[in-house]
Amino acid sequence: MTLEQVGFIFVSLLTLGTGLVVVTNRNLFHAALAMMASFLGVAGLYVLLDAGFLAAAQLLVYIGAISILIIFAIMLTRRMMQAREDAFNSQSGLGLFTAVATFALIASVIVRLWGVEAINGRPPVADSVLQGAVVALGKAFVNPDGYVIPFIMASVLLLAALIGAIYVAWPAEYMEDEA
């Protein structure tokens, strides 16, 4: 077993293990810290793939900005640091169904656009990303033959997460006044 394989196994276990802690931990602050460690593992995977630009972007954007913003939001929000009694709600089945349906939709779009060989091979932009061509990466995101559809789908997914976060953070007394 080579040193690169050992590094890959370590970084993969770090990413998957801390990702599991994120979704199963009842303490929101600890889950946010585990999310930072998971993002660090993803950056390590990018380093192992010789994608230095993506690793740096992962560190700066996700760990340096988004995770810190989430931790500040948790610490500044009242009653969020307290442990909850129930970890699951009555809509966990609906959430699981939605996650599986979203995965199936994204997988079908990828297979339809690039075919089955895209799953087993390298995507068309992989070589230019590995060489550090940031311009080629930007063109691949907005080129109709590139990654514009997954880019738009990721944007819609982030918008849905933002709307959900606003709904969850909205004070309950305002919700009762409107009803």
C-alpha atoms as a PDB file:
ATOM      1  CA  MET A   1       0.000   0.000   0.000  1.00  0.00           C
ATOM      2  CA  THR A   2       1.484   3.326  -1.075  1.00  0.00           C
ATOM      3  CA  LEU A   3       1.589   6.518   0.946  1.00  0.00           C
ATOM      4  CA  GLU A   4      -0.967   8.097  -1.400  1.00  0.00           C
ATOM      5  CA  GLN A   5      -3.408   5.240  -0.757  1.00  0.00           C
ATOM      6  CA  VAL A   6      -2.956   5.565   3.004  1.00  0.00           C
ATOM      7  CA  GLY A   7      -3.576   9.304   2.726  1.00  0.00           C
ATOM      8  CA  PHE A   8      -6.688   8.695   0.636  1.00  0.00           C
ATOM      9  CA  ILE A   9      -8.066   6.205   3.155  1.00  0.00           C
ATOM     10  CA  PHE A  10      -7.357   8.586   6.047  1.00  0.00           C
ATOM     11  CA  VAL A  11      -8.922  11.608   4.339  1.00  0.00           C
ATOM     12  CA  SER A  12     -11.920   9.558   3.163  1.00  0.00           C
ATOM     13  CA  LEU A  13     -12.560   8.197   6.655  1.00  0.00           C
ATOM     14  CA  LEU A  14     -12.216  11.710   8.073  1.00  0.00           C
ATOM     15  CA  THR A  15     -14.708  13.094   5.555  1.00  0.00           C
ATOM     16  CA  LEU A  16     -17.250  10.291   5.903  1.00  0.00           C
ATOM     17  CA  GLY A  17     -16.921   9.989   9.678  1.00  0.00           C
ATOM     18  CA  THR A  18     -17.355  13.671  10.367  1.00  0.00           C
ATOM     19  CA  GLY A  19     -20.153  13.836   7.800  1.00  0.00           C
ATOM     20  CA  LEU A  20     -21.949  11.128   9.757  1.00  0.00           C
ATOM     21  CA  VAL A  21     -21.427  13.130  12.952  1.00  0.00           C
ATOM     22  CA  VAL A  22     -22.945  16.185  11.231  1.00  0.00           C
ATOM     23  CA  VAL A  23     -26.224  14.446  10.446  1.00  0.00           C
ATOM     24  CA  THR A  24     -26.536  12.426  13.662  1.00  0.00           C
ATOM     25  CA  ASN A  25     -25.332  14.815  16.374  1.00  0.00           C
ATOM     26  CA  ARG A  26     -28.022  16.429  18.512  1.00  0.00           C
ATOM     27  CA  ASN A  27     -25.883  19.411  19.507  1.00  0.00           C
ATOM     28  CA  LEU A  28     -25.949  21.962  16.694  1.00  0.00           C
ATOM     29  CA  PHE A  29     -22.624  23.543  17.634  1.00  0.00           C
ATOM     30  CA  HIS A  30     -20.806  20.201  17.651  1.00  0.00           C
ATOM     31  CA  ALA A  31     -22.395  19.338  14.303  1.00  0.00           C
ATOM     32  CA  ALA A  32     -21.065  22.611  12.858  1.00  0.00           C
ATOM     33  CA  LEU A  33     -17.560  21.808  14.099  1.00  0.00           C
ATOM     34  CA  ALA A  34     -17.819  18.343  12.547  1.00  0.00           C
ATOM     35  CA  MET A  35     -18.970  19.978   9.306  1.00  0.00           C
ATOM     36  CA  MET A  36     -15.781  22.054   9.295  1.00  0.00           C
ATOM     37  CA  ALA A  37     -13.732  18.877   9.704  1.00  0.00           C
ATOM     38  CA  SER A  38     -15.679  17.250   6.883  1.00  0.00           C
ATOM     39  CA  PHE A  39     -14.958  20.237   4.621  1.00  0.00           C
ATOM     40  CA  LEU A  40     -11.296  19.914   5.564  1.00  0.00           C
ATOM     41  CA  GLY A  41     -11.408  16.273   4.456  1.00  0.00           C
ATOM     42  CA  VAL A  42     -12.913  17.284   1.110  1.00  0.00           C
ATOM     43  CA  ALA A  43     -10.079  19.804   0.678  1.00  0.00           C
ATOM     44  CA  GLY A  44      -7.654  16.979   1.416  1.00  0.00           C
ATOM     45  CA  LEU A  45      -9.264  14.893  -1.320  1.00  0.00           C
ATOM     46  CA  TYR A  46      -8.771  17.792  -3.737  1.00  0.00           C
ATOM     47  CA  VAL A  47      -5.099  17.961  -2.753  1.00  0.00           C
ATOM     48  CA  LEU A  48      -4.738  14.235  -3.428  1.00  0.00           C
ATOM     49  CA  LEU A  49      -6.275  14.808  -6.874  1.00  0.00           C
ATOM     50  CA  ASP A  50      -3.728  17.583  -7.594  1.00  0.00           C
ATOM     51  CA  ALA A  51      -6.508  20.160  -7.803  1.00  0.00           C
ATOM     52  CA  GLY A  52      -4.857  22.867  -5.755  1.00  0.00           C
ATOM     53  CA  PHE A  53      -7.225  25.617  -6.845  1.00  0.00           C
ATOM     54  CA  LEU A  54     -10.268  23.641  -5.725  1.00  0.00           C
ATOM     55  CA  ALA A  55      -8.593  22.776  -2.412  1.00  0.00           C
ATOM     56  CA  ALA A  56      -7.795  26.433  -1.772  1.00  0.00           C
ATOM     57  CA  ALA A  57     -11.332  27.456  -2.729  1.00  0.00           C
ATOM     58  CA  GLN A  58     -12.706  24.785  -0.386  1.00  0.00           C
ATOM     59  CA  LEU A  59     -10.593  26.092   2.484  1.00  0.00           C
ATOM     60  CA  LEU A  60     -11.351  29.756   1.891  1.00  0.00           C
ATOM     61  CA  VAL A  61     -15.023  29.580   0.994  1.00  0.00           C
ATOM     62  CA  TYR A  62     -16.424  26.665   2.961  1.00  0.00           C
ATOM     63  CA  ILE A  63     -14.195  26.495   6.026  1.00  0.00           C
ATOM     64  CA  GLY A  64     -13.113  30.113   6.183  1.00  0.00           C
ATOM     65  CA  ALA A  65     -16.404  31.800   5.408  1.00  0.00           C
ATOM     66  CA  ILE A  66     -19.496  29.622   5.449  1.00  0.00           C
ATOM     67  CA  SER A  67     -18.618  27.435   8.436  1.00  0.00           C
ATOM     68  CA  ILE A  68     -17.536  30.399  10.531  1.00  0.00           C
ATOM     69  CA  LEU A  69     -20.726  32.242   9.567  1.00  0.00           C
ATOM     70  CA  ILE A  70     -22.798  29.225  10.625  1.00  0.00           C
ATOM     71  CA  ILE A  71     -20.970  28.999  13.956  1.00  0.00           C
ATOM     72  CA  PHE A  72     -21.515  32.713  14.616  1.00  0.00           C
ATOM     73  CA  ALA A  73     -25.198  32.318  13.758  1.00  0.00           C
ATOM     74  CA  ILE A  74     -25.507  29.387  16.157  1.00  0.00           C
ATOM     75  CA  MET A  75     -23.770  31.214  18.969  1.00  0.00           C
ATOM     76  CA  LEU A  76     -25.750  34.434  18.491  1.00  0.00           C
ATOM     77  CA  THR A  77     -29.126  32.737  18.252  1.00  0.00           C
ATOM     78  CA  ARG A  78     -30.958  32.187  21.520  1.00  0.00           C
ATOM     79  CA  ARG A  79     -32.148  28.738  22.553  1.00  0.00           C
ATOM     80  CA  MET A  80     -30.214  26.988  19.776  1.00  0.00           C
ATOM     81  CA  MET A  81     -27.332  25.883  22.001  1.00  0.00           C
ATOM     82  CA  GLN A  82     -29.651  23.823  24.207  1.00  0.00           C
ATOM     83  CA  ALA A  83     -30.075  20.130  23.506  1.00  0.00           C
ATOM     84  CA  ARG A  84     -33.379  18.999  22.086  1.00  0.00           C
ATOM     85  CA  GLU A  85     -35.393  16.091  23.439  1.00  0.00           C
ATOM     86  CA  ASP A  86     -36.279  14.485  20.127  1.00  0.00           C
ATOM     87  CA  ALA A  87     -33.771  14.029  17.332  1.00  0.00           C
ATOM     88  CA  PHE A  88     -36.285  13.065  14.659  1.00  0.00           C
ATOM     89  CA  ASN A  89     -39.578  14.546  13.601  1.00  0.00           C
ATOM     90  CA  SER A  90     -42.608  13.102  11.877  1.00  0.00           C
ATOM     91  CA  GLN A  91     -41.376  14.103   8.420  1.00  0.00           C
ATOM     92  CA  SER A  92     -38.125  12.143   8.336  1.00  0.00           C
ATOM     93  CA  GLY A  93     -39.619   9.695   5.830  1.00  0.00           C
ATOM     94  CA  LEU A  94     -40.565  12.553   3.531  1.00  0.00           C
ATOM     95  CA  GLY A  95     -37.051  13.950   3.872  1.00  0.00           C
ATOM     96  CA  LEU A  96     -35.518  10.590   2.962  1.00  0.00           C
ATOM     97  CA  PHE A  97     -37.820  10.275  -0.055  1.00  0.00           C
ATOM     98  CA  THR A  98     -36.935  13.811  -1.182  1.00  0.00           C
ATOM     99  CA  ALA A  99     -33.206  13.112  -0.851  1.00  0.00           C
ATOM    100  CA  VAL A 100     -33.445   9.885  -2.873  1.00  0.00           C
ATOM    101  CA  ALA A 101     -35.616  11.565  -5.530  1.00  0.00           C
ATOM    102  CA  THR A 102     -33.185  14.492  -5.808  1.00  0.00           C
ATOM    103  CA  PHE A 103     -30.249  12.113  -6.166  1.00  0.00           C
ATOM    104  CA  ALA A 104     -32.100  10.142  -8.854  1.00  0.00           C
ATOM    105  CA  LEU A 105     -32.941  13.349 -10.724  1.00  0.00           C
ATOM    106  CA  ILE A 106     -29.355  14.607 -10.661  1.00  0.00           C
ATOM    107  CA  ALA A 107     -27.995  11.190 -11.693  1.00  0.00           C
ATOM    108  CA  SER A 108     -30.462  10.940 -14.593  1.00  0.00           C
ATOM    109  CA  VAL A 109     -29.507  14.432 -15.806  1.00  0.00           C
ATOM    110  CA  ILE A 110     -25.813  13.535 -15.696  1.00  0.00           C
ATOM    111  CA  VAL A 111     -26.352  10.246 -17.541  1.00  0.00           C
ATOM    112  CA  ARG A 112     -28.598  11.943 -20.105  1.00  0.00           C
ATOM    113  CA  LEU A 113     -26.128  14.764 -20.790  1.00  0.00           C
ATOM    114  CA  TRP A 114     -22.853  12.859 -20.817  1.00  0.00           C
ATOM    115  CA  GLY A 115     -23.822   9.195 -21.037  1.00  0.00           C
ATOM    116  CA  VAL A 116     -22.812   6.298 -18.829  1.00  0.00           C
ATOM    117  CA  GLU A 117     -19.121   6.644 -19.758  1.00  0.00           C
ATOM    118  CA  ALA A 118     -19.021   9.975 -17.887  1.00  0.00           C
ATOM    119  CA  ILE A 119     -19.665   8.125 -14.634  1.00  0.00           C
ATOM    120  CA  ASN A 120     -16.715   5.775 -15.103  1.00  0.00           C
ATOM    121  CA  GLY A 121     -14.358   8.200 -16.867  1.00  0.00           C
ATOM    122  CA  ARG A 122     -13.126  11.711 -16.423  1.00  0.00           C
ATOM    123  CA  PRO A 123     -15.489  14.590 -17.050  1.00  0.00           C
ATOM    124  CA  PRO A 124     -14.610  16.780 -20.032  1.00  0.00           C
ATOM    125  CA  VAL A 125     -13.193  19.588 -17.916  1.00  0.00           C
ATOM    126  CA  ALA A 126     -11.107  17.452 -15.522  1.00  0.00           C
ATOM    127  CA  ASP A 127      -7.788  17.825 -17.361  1.00  0.00           C
ATOM    128  CA  SER A 128      -7.943  21.608 -17.491  1.00  0.00           C
ATOM    129  CA  VAL A 129      -8.889  21.798 -13.804  1.00  0.00           C
ATOM    130  CA  LEU A 130      -6.010  19.545 -12.840  1.00  0.00           C
ATOM    131  CA  GLN A 131      -3.630  21.797 -14.796  1.00  0.00           C
ATOM    132  CA  GLY A 132      -4.882  24.820 -12.872  1.00  0.00           C
ATOM    133  CA  ALA A 133      -6.628  26.597 -15.749  1.00  0.00           C
ATOM    134  CA  VAL A 134      -9.128  28.711 -13.849  1.00  0.00           C
ATOM    135  CA  VAL A 135     -10.387  30.302 -17.071  1.00  0.00           C
ATOM    136  CA  ALA A 136     -11.245  26.887 -18.518  1.00  0.00           C
ATOM    137  CA  LEU A 137     -13.080  26.027 -15.302  1.00  0.00           C
ATOM    138  CA  GLY A 138     -15.138  29.222 -15.526  1.00  0.00           C
ATOM    139  CA  LYS A 139     -15.960  28.592 -19.179  1.00  0.00           C
ATOM    140  CA  ALA A 140     -16.957  25.018 -18.391  1.00  0.00           C
ATOM    141  CA  PHE A 141     -19.458  26.254 -15.798  1.00  0.00           C
ATOM    142  CA  VAL A 142     -21.276  28.546 -18.214  1.00  0.00           C
ATOM    143  CA  ASN A 143     -20.773  26.688 -21.505  1.00  0.00           C
ATOM    144  CA  PRO A 144     -24.001  24.931 -22.612  1.00  0.00           C
ATOM    145  CA  ASP A 145     -21.977  21.787 -23.368  1.00  0.00           C
ATOM    146  CA  GLY A 146     -20.261  21.918 -19.980  1.00  0.00           C
ATOM    147  CA  TYR A 147     -21.569  22.064 -16.456  1.00  0.00           C
ATOM    148  CA  VAL A 148     -24.280  24.699 -16.764  1.00  0.00           C
ATOM    149  CA  ILE A 149     -27.153  22.336 -15.827  1.00  0.00           C
ATOM    150  CA  PRO A 150     -25.510  20.919 -12.661  1.00  0.00           C
ATOM    151  CA  PHE A 151     -24.388  24.464 -11.788  1.00  0.00           C
ATOM    152  CA  ILE A 152     -27.973  25.728 -12.030  1.00  0.00           C
ATOM    153  CA  MET A 153     -29.259  22.714 -10.070  1.00  0.00           C
ATOM    154  CA  ALA A 154     -26.730  23.400  -7.310  1.00  0.00           C
ATOM    155  CA  SER A 155     -27.847  27.035  -7.281  1.00  0.00           C
ATOM    156  CA  VAL A 156     -31.489  26.007  -6.883  1.00  0.00           C
ATOM    157  CA  LEU A 157     -30.508  23.577  -4.112  1.00  0.00           C
ATOM    158  CA  LEU A 158     -28.653  26.348  -2.265  1.00  0.00           C
ATOM    159  CA  LEU A 159     -31.653  28.650  -2.715  1.00  0.00           C
ATOM    160  CA  ALA A 160     -33.920  25.983  -1.204  1.00  0.00           C
ATOM    161  CA  ALA A 161     -31.519  25.613   1.736  1.00  0.00           C
ATOM    162  CA  LEU A 162     -31.526  29.383   2.230  1.00  0.00           C
ATOM    163  CA  ILE A 163     -35.324  29.533   2.201  1.00  0.00           C
ATOM    164  CA  GLY A 164     -35.461  26.631   4.667  1.00  0.00           C
ATOM    165  CA  ALA A 165     -32.959  28.357   6.961  1.00  0.00           C
ATOM    166  CA  ILE A 166     -35.021  31.545   6.902  1.00  0.00           C
ATOM    167  CA  TYR A 167     -38.168  29.572   7.721  1.00  0.00           C
ATOM    168  CA  VAL A 168     -36.494  27.746  10.606  1.00  0.00           C
ATOM    169  CA  ALA A 169     -34.932  30.927  12.013  1.00  0.00           C
ATOM    170  CA  TRP A 170     -38.133  32.990  11.769  1.00  0.00           C
ATOM    171  CA  PRO A 171     -39.539  33.709  15.249  1.00  0.00           C
ATOM    172  CA  ALA A 172     -42.579  31.621  16.163  1.00  0.00           C
ATOM    173  CA  GLU A 173     -44.590  34.586  17.434  1.00  0.00           C
ATOM    174  CA  TYR A 174     -44.554  36.154  13.955  1.00  0.00           C
ATOM    175  CA  MET A 175     -45.790  32.903  12.442  1.00  0.00           C
ATOM    176  CA  GLU A 176     -48.718  32.772  14.898  1.00  0.00           C
ATOM    177  CA  ASP A 177     -49.743  36.383  14.158  1.00  0.00           C
ATOM    178  CA  GLU A 178     -50.077  35.684  10.432  1.00  0.00           C
ATOM    179  CA  ALA A 179     -52.157  32.520  10.873  1.00  0.00           C
END
